[in-house]
Amino acid sequence: MSMASYDRPAAFRIGRVFGDTFNVLGRNLGLCIGLAAIFSGLPTFLYQLWTGNQVEAALVSAETGTPSPPEFGASFILAGLVGFIIYMVLTSILQAALVRTTIEDLNGEKPTFADSLSRALAVLLPIIGLSLLMYLGITIGFMLLIIPGLYLLVRWSAAVPVLVHERLGVLASMKRSAELTKGSRWRIFGLFVILILAIWVLQMALGLLALAIMPLLGTVLATAVGALLSAVASVIASIAVAVAYVELRYVKEGADVKQLAEIFA
């Protein structure tokens, strides 16, 4: 059912956001799997496979007493830096595409891969800048006894959907997120805790299954399963953030999903 048919809620409702997150995922499973595979699963799989090979080569070198090539350490560090940059780009595309997918679905439309991807690419550079700034701020916050990091995580939780849908700048999106989340931050924090637990249970179940059949899978397929688990977590988190943004707009302004979707017109 489209959220456009709901009455304006008096407060942010964790249960509805949680339920709609998995409803959106279920109705668009193929699209979400496709986006996750391209922008999260496959890159993670290739990087983990490469890293595993490098570590294995280093262990063999240590066991045999053969010195590693001088460029080994430098290339490993450089690859890690390049990998982080690629990760930020791909994660930004995935987040923006899933935000678009979520809004379209909640509006009763049928999202498409081409439309979701094109909208994501249109705001790619600002989202990368926003993600880096948020990452830096939240990381520093977690270094300061964790609490400041959690506060900033909740305060800026709607910043990506704001940037994608309202087309504000990086700092303006962070400020707008702070305004939208004000008064609902404890509930948003509760939602994040529930989602983390749900993702953890799902990953544990799939992880135990992978361990049970790992002798049959081999290293490559086991690595692929790990990448799949990471992709699933990214998809659920991104959709939940988009659904929470819609809920916050209802609570604060009474804006319906149709109004949100028309921002893209």
Protein backbone atom coordinates (compact mmCIF):
# COMPACT_ATOMS: atom_id res chain seq x y z
CA MET A 1 0.00 0.00 0.00
CA SER A 2 1.27 3.49 -0.83
CA MET A 3 2.16 5.73 2.07
CA ALA A 4 0.27 8.47 0.26
CA SER A 5 -2.96 6.93 1.58
CA TYR A 6 -1.97 7.33 5.24
CA ASP A 7 -3.15 10.10 7.55
CA ARG A 8 -0.47 12.42 8.84
CA PRO A 9 1.11 10.75 11.90
CA ALA A 10 1.59 12.61 15.16
CA ALA A 11 5.06 11.13 15.72
CA PHE A 12 7.76 9.15 13.96
CA ARG A 13 6.65 5.52 14.00
CA ILE A 14 9.42 2.94 14.15
CA GLY A 15 7.14 0.01 13.35
CA ARG A 16 5.82 1.52 10.15
CA VAL A 17 9.28 2.53 8.92
CA PHE A 18 10.63 -0.93 9.71
CA GLY A 19 7.73 -2.64 7.98
CA ASP A 20 7.81 -0.41 4.91
CA THR A 21 11.56 -0.95 4.57
CA PHE A 22 11.07 -4.66 4.01
CA ASN A 23 7.90 -4.10 1.98
CA VAL A 24 9.83 -1.90 -0.45
CA LEU A 25 12.60 -4.49 -0.60
CA GLY A 26 10.13 -7.30 -1.24
CA ARG A 27 8.26 -5.46 -4.00
CA ASN A 28 11.50 -4.52 -5.77
CA LEU A 29 13.68 -7.49 -4.94
CA GLY A 30 15.07 -7.93 -8.45
CA LEU A 31 15.92 -4.25 -8.85
CA CYS A 32 17.52 -4.04 -5.41
CA ILE A 33 19.53 -7.21 -5.99
CA GLY A 34 20.73 -5.87 -9.33
CA LEU A 35 21.82 -2.55 -7.87
CA ALA A 36 23.45 -4.23 -4.88
CA ALA A 37 25.27 -6.77 -7.02
CA ILE A 38 26.76 -4.13 -9.33
CA PHE A 39 27.58 -1.40 -6.83
CA SER A 40 28.33 -3.41 -3.67
CA GLY A 41 28.50 -7.18 -4.02
CA LEU A 42 30.75 -7.56 -7.07
CA PRO A 43 33.28 -4.83 -6.10
CA THR A 44 33.46 -6.19 -2.54
CA PHE A 45 33.94 -9.72 -3.85
CA LEU A 46 36.78 -8.71 -6.19
CA TYR A 47 38.51 -6.61 -3.54
CA GLN A 48 38.27 -9.31 -0.86
CA LEU A 49 39.51 -11.91 -3.33
CA TRP A 50 42.50 -9.73 -4.23
CA THR A 51 43.23 -8.98 -0.58
CA GLY A 52 43.04 -12.66 0.29
CA ASN A 53 45.52 -13.51 -2.45
CA GLN A 54 47.92 -10.81 -1.24
CA VAL A 55 47.75 -12.02 2.35
CA GLU A 56 48.23 -15.62 1.26
CA ALA A 57 51.29 -14.62 -0.78
CA ALA A 58 52.72 -12.77 2.24
CA LEU A 59 52.18 -15.80 4.49
CA VAL A 60 53.85 -18.11 1.99
CA SER A 61 56.77 -15.70 1.75
CA ALA A 62 57.11 -15.66 5.54
CA GLU A 63 56.96 -19.43 5.82
CA THR A 64 59.54 -20.05 3.11
CA GLY A 65 61.82 -17.23 4.17
CA THR A 66 61.60 -15.62 0.76
CA PRO A 67 61.70 -11.81 1.06
CA SER A 68 58.68 -10.00 -0.29
CA PRO A 69 59.23 -7.64 -3.21
CA PRO A 70 59.95 -4.06 -2.01
CA GLU A 71 56.92 -2.76 -3.83
CA PHE A 72 54.57 -5.20 -2.08
CA GLY A 73 53.82 -2.96 0.92
CA ALA A 74 53.48 0.22 -1.13
CA SER A 75 51.21 -1.40 -3.70
CA PHE A 76 49.03 -2.84 -0.95
CA ILE A 77 48.59 0.60 0.65
CA LEU A 78 47.94 2.26 -2.71
CA ALA A 79 45.40 -0.39 -3.61
CA GLY A 80 43.68 0.19 -0.27
CA LEU A 81 43.44 3.93 -0.96
CA VAL A 82 42.14 3.40 -4.47
CA GLY A 83 39.72 0.81 -3.13
CA PHE A 84 38.37 3.27 -0.57
CA ILE A 85 37.77 5.92 -3.24
CA ILE A 86 36.00 3.43 -5.48
CA TYR A 87 33.98 2.24 -2.49
CA MET A 88 32.83 5.79 -1.73
CA VAL A 89 31.77 6.36 -5.34
CA LEU A 90 29.89 3.07 -5.67
CA THR A 91 28.27 3.41 -2.25
CA SER A 92 27.07 6.91 -3.13
CA ILE A 93 25.51 5.66 -6.38
CA LEU A 94 23.83 2.78 -4.57
CA GLN A 95 22.42 4.99 -1.81
CA ALA A 96 21.03 7.56 -4.23
CA ALA A 97 19.54 4.92 -6.53
CA LEU A 98 17.83 3.18 -3.62
CA VAL A 99 16.45 6.47 -2.33
CA ARG A 100 14.89 7.07 -5.74
CA THR A 101 13.60 3.49 -5.87
CA THR A 102 12.02 3.81 -2.43
CA ILE A 103 10.23 7.08 -3.14
CA GLU A 104 8.86 5.78 -6.43
CA ASP A 105 7.63 2.58 -4.80
CA LEU A 106 5.93 4.36 -1.92
CA ASN A 107 4.22 6.59 -4.45
CA GLY A 108 2.65 3.54 -6.06
CA GLU A 109 4.93 3.62 -9.11
CA LYS A 110 7.11 0.82 -10.44
CA PRO A 111 10.77 1.86 -10.16
CA THR A 112 13.12 0.96 -13.01
CA PHE A 113 16.84 0.33 -13.04
CA ALA A 114 17.52 3.00 -15.66
CA ASP A 115 15.56 5.72 -13.86
CA SER A 116 17.05 4.97 -10.43
CA LEU A 117 20.57 4.88 -11.80
CA SER A 118 20.22 8.06 -13.87
CA ARG A 119 18.92 9.99 -10.86
CA ALA A 120 21.83 8.72 -8.77
CA LEU A 121 24.42 9.73 -11.34
CA ALA A 122 22.88 13.20 -11.60
CA VAL A 123 23.78 13.95 -7.97
CA LEU A 124 26.90 11.81 -7.71
CA LEU A 125 29.51 14.46 -6.91
CA PRO A 126 27.49 16.24 -4.19
CA ILE A 127 26.66 12.91 -2.54
CA ILE A 128 30.32 11.89 -2.51
CA GLY A 129 31.17 15.22 -0.86
CA LEU A 130 28.34 14.80 1.64
CA SER A 131 29.35 11.22 2.44
CA LEU A 132 32.97 12.19 3.05
CA LEU A 133 32.02 15.10 5.30
CA MET A 134 29.58 12.96 7.29
CA TYR A 135 32.09 10.12 7.54
CA LEU A 136 34.75 12.48 8.88
CA GLY A 137 32.43 14.13 11.39
CA ILE A 138 30.91 10.86 12.66
CA THR A 139 34.33 9.19 12.90
CA ILE A 140 35.69 12.05 15.00
CA GLY A 141 32.53 11.88 17.09
CA PHE A 142 33.02 8.17 17.77
CA MET A 143 36.60 8.87 18.81
CA LEU A 144 35.20 11.27 21.43
CA LEU A 145 33.67 8.59 23.68
CA ILE A 146 31.20 7.27 21.05
CA ILE A 147 28.18 9.37 22.15
CA PRO A 148 28.94 12.38 19.90
CA GLY A 149 29.31 10.00 16.95
CA LEU A 150 25.91 8.42 17.60
CA TYR A 151 24.36 11.87 17.93
CA LEU A 152 25.77 13.04 14.60
CA LEU A 153 24.78 9.77 12.92
CA VAL A 154 21.15 10.31 13.93
CA ARG A 155 21.21 14.07 13.32
CA TRP A 156 22.47 13.65 9.74
CA SER A 157 20.57 10.44 8.95
CA ALA A 158 18.24 12.16 6.47
CA ALA A 159 20.97 14.16 4.71
CA VAL A 160 21.38 11.84 1.70
CA PRO A 161 17.64 11.66 0.89
CA VAL A 162 17.42 15.42 1.35
CA LEU A 163 20.24 16.01 -1.11
CA VAL A 164 18.82 13.55 -3.64
CA HIS A 165 15.21 14.74 -3.50
CA GLU A 166 15.35 18.35 -2.47
CA ARG A 167 18.50 19.09 -4.46
CA LEU A 168 20.09 21.15 -1.70
CA GLY A 169 23.82 21.64 -1.30
CA VAL A 170 25.99 19.55 0.98
CA LEU A 171 25.90 21.81 4.06
CA ALA A 172 22.27 22.77 3.44
CA SER A 173 21.33 19.07 3.31
CA MET A 174 23.02 18.45 6.65
CA LYS A 175 21.22 21.42 8.18
CA ARG A 176 17.89 20.30 6.71
CA SER A 177 18.44 16.80 8.12
CA ALA A 178 19.04 18.28 11.56
CA GLU A 179 15.73 20.15 11.29
CA LEU A 180 13.78 17.10 10.13
CA THR A 181 15.19 14.77 12.79
CA LYS A 182 14.69 17.21 15.67
CA GLY A 183 12.13 15.80 18.07
CA SER A 184 12.40 12.27 16.61
CA ARG A 185 16.04 11.42 17.28
CA TRP A 186 15.47 8.90 20.05
CA ARG A 187 12.98 7.07 17.84
CA ILE A 188 15.39 7.16 14.89
CA PHE A 189 18.11 5.78 17.14
CA GLY A 190 15.73 3.00 18.19
CA LEU A 191 15.02 2.24 14.53
CA PHE A 192 18.76 1.95 13.83
CA VAL A 193 19.22 -0.42 16.77
CA ILE A 194 16.37 -2.64 15.53
CA LEU A 195 17.72 -2.61 11.98
CA ILE A 196 21.24 -3.47 13.14
CA LEU A 197 19.88 -6.40 15.13
CA ALA A 198 17.74 -7.57 12.20
CA ILE A 199 20.69 -7.35 9.79
CA TRP A 200 22.93 -9.09 12.30
CA VAL A 201 20.46 -11.98 12.69
CA LEU A 202 20.14 -12.28 8.91
CA GLN A 203 23.89 -12.20 8.41
CA MET A 204 24.44 -14.73 11.19
CA ALA A 205 21.91 -17.12 9.66
CA LEU A 206 23.40 -16.85 6.18
CA GLY A 207 26.93 -16.90 7.60
CA LEU A 208 26.30 -20.13 9.50
CA LEU A 209 24.83 -21.64 6.35
CA ALA A 210 27.92 -20.60 4.42
CA LEU A 211 30.21 -22.12 7.06
CA ALA A 212 28.26 -25.37 6.97
CA ILE A 213 28.71 -25.75 3.23
CA MET A 214 32.07 -24.00 2.91
CA PRO A 215 33.95 -27.27 2.26
CA LEU A 216 31.74 -27.66 -0.78
CA LEU A 217 31.91 -24.03 -1.84
CA GLY A 218 35.62 -23.40 -1.83
CA THR A 219 37.38 -20.10 -1.13
CA VAL A 220 35.99 -18.19 -4.11
CA LEU A 221 32.34 -19.00 -3.45
CA ALA A 222 32.78 -18.46 0.28
CA THR A 223 34.14 -14.98 -0.49
CA ALA A 224 31.14 -14.38 -2.77
CA VAL A 225 28.77 -15.26 0.08
CA GLY A 226 30.54 -12.75 2.33
CA ALA A 227 30.21 -10.06 -0.32
CA LEU A 228 26.52 -10.89 -0.69
CA LEU A 229 25.97 -10.43 3.04
CA SER A 230 27.63 -7.02 2.87
CA ALA A 231 25.46 -6.02 -0.09
CA VAL A 232 22.25 -7.08 1.69
CA ALA A 233 23.17 -4.95 4.70
CA SER A 234 23.83 -1.93 2.45
CA VAL A 235 20.50 -2.30 0.68
CA ILE A 236 18.44 -2.62 3.86
CA ALA A 237 20.16 0.35 5.49
CA SER A 238 19.75 2.59 2.43
CA ILE A 239 16.07 1.78 1.99
CA ALA A 240 15.41 2.29 5.70
CA VAL A 241 17.00 5.74 5.60
CA ALA A 242 14.83 6.72 2.62
CA VAL A 243 11.63 5.43 4.28
CA ALA A 244 12.56 7.26 7.49
CA TYR A 245 13.01 10.47 5.47
CA VAL A 246 9.48 10.13 4.07
CA GLU A 247 8.13 9.50 7.56
CA LEU A 248 9.92 12.59 8.89
CA ARG A 249 8.43 14.71 6.11
CA TYR A 250 4.97 13.47 7.13
CA VAL A 251 5.54 14.19 10.79
CA LYS A 252 7.10 17.62 10.29
CA GLU A 253 5.27 18.99 7.26
CA GLY A 254 2.50 16.65 6.23
CA ALA A 255 4.10 16.31 2.77
CA ASP A 256 2.80 13.28 0.92
CA VAL A 257 4.80 10.93 -1.25
CA LYS A 258 3.40 12.44 -4.45
CA GLN A 259 4.86 15.81 -3.49
CA LEU A 260 8.21 14.19 -2.81
CA ALA A 261 8.21 12.37 -6.15
CA GLU A 262 7.28 15.55 -8.06
CA ILE A 263 10.56 17.13 -6.93
CA PHE A 264 12.16 15.02 -9.64
CA ALA A 265 9.79 16.27 -12.35
